Amino acid sequence: MDKKIVIGSDHGGYRLKEQVKKYLEKGKYKIDDVGTDSESSCDYPVPGFDAARKVSRKKASRGIVICKTGIGMSIIANKLPGVRAGLCNSIADAASSRQHNDANVLVLAATKLSSKKAIDIVKIWMKTKSLKGRHSKRVRQITKLEKKVFKKNI
């Protein structure tokens, strides 16, 4: 697996983003941090879109985006073609999002997760492989439907 990961957050996810980054850097992942760079108030769509666009354009193999609830980041990340972003609040969610949906963007909720739990989720999400069979058929269906909407990458 390619070890280039894009990561982004708004102000509410900044602290957790920094902790996740440290964990990933220890694992020798190359991190592309698209912001934000402080806890100063900012809007989630910009870093969420920037991170998802890099995954969409295959500039990173996977992405991680973080905001307070994870809902806003989920919405913006899933606007881009080829992005399958999943909000994961448990290890089971993380494994399922990879196995069943081949999720390539992990969404974390800063207000619902301790840094330890978030890192445990990241650890499982990074190492879990997508299942084949009926699950890959469903991912292909998503891709086919996307092609009806998106003419070219954003």
Protein backbone atom coordinates (compact mmCIF):
# COMPACT_ATOMS: atom_id res chain seq x y z
CA MET A 1 0.00 0.00 0.00
CA ASP A 2 1.09 3.51 -0.81
CA LYS A 3 2.04 5.31 2.36
CA LYS A 4 0.96 8.82 1.32
CA ILE A 5 -1.92 10.01 3.48
CA VAL A 6 -3.64 13.37 3.26
CA ILE A 7 -5.07 14.73 6.50
CA GLY A 8 -7.20 17.76 7.24
CA SER A 9 -9.37 19.26 9.95
CA ASP A 10 -11.24 22.32 10.99
CA HIS A 11 -10.50 24.11 14.28
CA GLY A 12 -12.60 21.62 16.24
CA GLY A 13 -10.54 18.69 14.98
CA TYR A 14 -7.15 20.38 15.05
CA ARG A 15 -5.81 18.82 18.28
CA LEU A 16 -6.92 15.33 17.30
CA LYS A 17 -5.46 15.79 13.81
CA GLU A 18 -2.08 16.63 15.32
CA GLN A 19 -2.17 13.50 17.50
CA VAL A 20 -3.20 11.27 14.58
CA LYS A 21 -0.43 12.83 12.48
CA LYS A 22 2.18 11.96 15.10
CA TYR A 23 0.98 8.36 15.17
CA LEU A 24 1.08 8.07 11.37
CA GLU A 25 4.52 9.67 11.11
CA LYS A 26 5.86 7.08 13.55
CA GLY A 27 4.51 4.44 11.16
CA LYS A 28 6.58 5.99 8.37
CA TYR A 29 3.58 7.34 6.49
CA LYS A 30 4.15 10.41 4.37
CA ILE A 31 1.64 12.99 5.58
CA ASP A 32 0.19 15.77 3.46
CA ASP A 33 -1.47 18.13 5.95
CA VAL A 34 -3.97 20.43 4.22
CA GLY A 35 -4.84 22.31 7.41
CA THR A 36 -5.99 23.86 9.49
CA ASP A 37 -2.92 24.88 11.44
CA SER A 38 -4.48 26.12 14.68
CA GLU A 39 -7.56 26.14 16.85
CA SER A 40 -8.62 29.49 15.40
CA SER A 41 -12.11 29.31 14.02
CA CYS A 42 -12.34 28.18 10.39
CA ASP A 43 -14.89 26.52 8.14
CA TYR A 44 -14.65 22.76 7.60
CA PRO A 45 -15.48 22.69 3.86
CA VAL A 46 -12.10 24.04 2.75
CA PRO A 47 -9.75 21.48 4.39
CA GLY A 48 -12.33 18.70 3.90
CA PHE A 49 -12.60 19.43 0.19
CA ASP A 50 -8.83 19.83 -0.22
CA ALA A 51 -8.15 16.47 1.41
CA ALA A 52 -10.87 14.63 -0.51
CA ARG A 53 -9.77 16.22 -3.81
CA LYS A 54 -6.27 14.81 -3.32
CA VAL A 55 -7.73 11.33 -2.85
CA SER A 56 -10.07 11.85 -5.82
CA ARG A 57 -7.14 12.88 -8.02
CA LYS A 58 -5.00 10.02 -6.66
CA LYS A 59 -2.45 12.42 -5.15
CA ALA A 60 -2.84 10.41 -1.93
CA SER A 61 -3.89 6.80 -1.46
CA ARG A 62 -6.12 7.61 1.50
CA GLY A 63 -7.31 10.54 3.53
CA ILE A 64 -8.35 11.34 7.07
CA VAL A 65 -10.57 14.32 7.88
CA ILE A 66 -11.65 15.49 11.31
CA CYS A 67 -14.22 17.94 12.66
CA LYS A 68 -16.21 18.08 15.89
CA THR A 69 -18.99 15.63 14.90
CA GLY A 70 -17.60 14.23 11.65
CA ILE A 71 -20.85 15.01 9.88
CA GLY A 72 -19.69 18.11 8.03
CA MET A 73 -16.49 16.45 6.87
CA SER A 74 -18.47 13.41 5.70
CA ILE A 75 -20.73 15.61 3.61
CA ILE A 76 -17.97 17.58 1.90
CA ALA A 77 -15.63 14.62 1.34
CA ASN A 78 -18.33 12.56 -0.35
CA LYS A 79 -18.98 15.32 -2.89
CA LEU A 80 -15.93 14.28 -4.92
CA PRO A 81 -15.79 11.48 -7.48
CA GLY A 82 -14.00 8.34 -6.36
CA VAL A 83 -14.16 9.28 -2.69
CA ARG A 84 -15.82 6.87 -0.29
CA ALA A 85 -15.67 8.62 3.07
CA GLY A 86 -16.92 6.89 6.18
CA LEU A 87 -17.52 8.35 9.62
CA CYS A 88 -16.12 5.85 12.12
CA ASN A 89 -16.67 6.04 15.86
CA SER A 90 -15.54 2.51 16.67
CA ILE A 91 -13.02 -0.11 15.61
CA ALA A 92 -15.90 -2.15 14.16
CA ASP A 93 -16.95 0.85 12.03
CA ALA A 94 -13.38 1.24 10.79
CA ALA A 95 -13.02 -2.41 9.82
CA SER A 96 -16.43 -2.49 8.14
CA SER A 97 -15.85 0.75 6.21
CA ARG A 98 -12.72 -0.77 4.68
CA GLN A 99 -13.98 -4.34 4.22
CA HIS A 100 -17.45 -3.63 2.88
CA ASN A 101 -17.09 -0.18 1.29
CA ASP A 102 -13.38 0.09 0.47
CA ALA A 103 -13.50 3.50 2.17
CA ASN A 104 -10.57 5.66 1.13
CA VAL A 105 -11.31 8.59 3.45
CA LEU A 106 -11.71 8.12 7.19
CA VAL A 107 -13.83 10.69 9.00
CA LEU A 108 -13.33 11.16 12.74
CA ALA A 109 -15.46 13.05 15.27
CA ALA A 110 -13.22 14.97 17.65
CA THR A 111 -15.93 15.45 20.29
CA LYS A 112 -16.83 11.76 20.41
CA LEU A 113 -13.39 10.14 20.52
CA SER A 114 -10.45 10.19 22.88
CA SER A 115 -7.09 10.41 21.14
CA LYS A 116 -6.39 6.79 22.13
CA LYS A 117 -9.64 5.53 20.63
CA ALA A 118 -9.12 7.62 17.49
CA ILE A 119 -5.64 6.19 17.02
CA ASP A 120 -6.97 2.65 17.57
CA ILE A 121 -9.55 3.35 14.85
CA VAL A 122 -6.87 4.72 12.51
CA LYS A 123 -4.66 1.69 13.18
CA ILE A 124 -7.42 -0.76 12.19
CA TRP A 125 -8.59 1.37 9.25
CA MET A 126 -5.08 1.59 7.81
CA LYS A 127 -4.38 -2.14 7.98
CA THR A 128 -7.79 -3.55 6.98
CA LYS A 129 -8.17 -4.67 3.38
CA SER A 130 -11.28 -4.50 1.28
CA LEU A 131 -13.23 -7.73 0.90
CA LYS A 132 -13.96 -9.02 -2.58
CA GLY A 133 -17.10 -10.67 -3.93
CA ARG A 134 -20.40 -8.93 -3.35
CA HIS A 135 -18.67 -6.03 -1.61
CA SER A 136 -16.48 -5.12 -4.58
CA LYS A 137 -19.55 -5.44 -6.80
CA ARG A 138 -21.21 -2.72 -4.73
CA VAL A 139 -18.17 -0.45 -4.94
CA ARG A 140 -18.19 -0.93 -8.73
CA GLN A 141 -21.87 0.07 -8.74
CA ILE A 142 -21.01 3.28 -6.87
CA THR A 143 -18.25 4.03 -9.38
CA LYS A 144 -20.60 3.41 -12.31
CA LEU A 145 -23.23 5.73 -10.84
CA GLU A 146 -20.61 8.41 -10.20
CA LYS A 147 -19.57 8.29 -13.85
CA LYS A 148 -23.12 9.26 -14.80
CA VAL A 149 -22.72 12.46 -12.79
CA PHE A 150 -19.05 13.41 -13.05
CA LYS A 151 -17.54 13.94 -16.47
CA LYS A 152 -14.04 14.61 -15.17
CA ASN A 153 -12.27 14.99 -11.84
CA ILE A 154 -12.67 18.26 -10.00
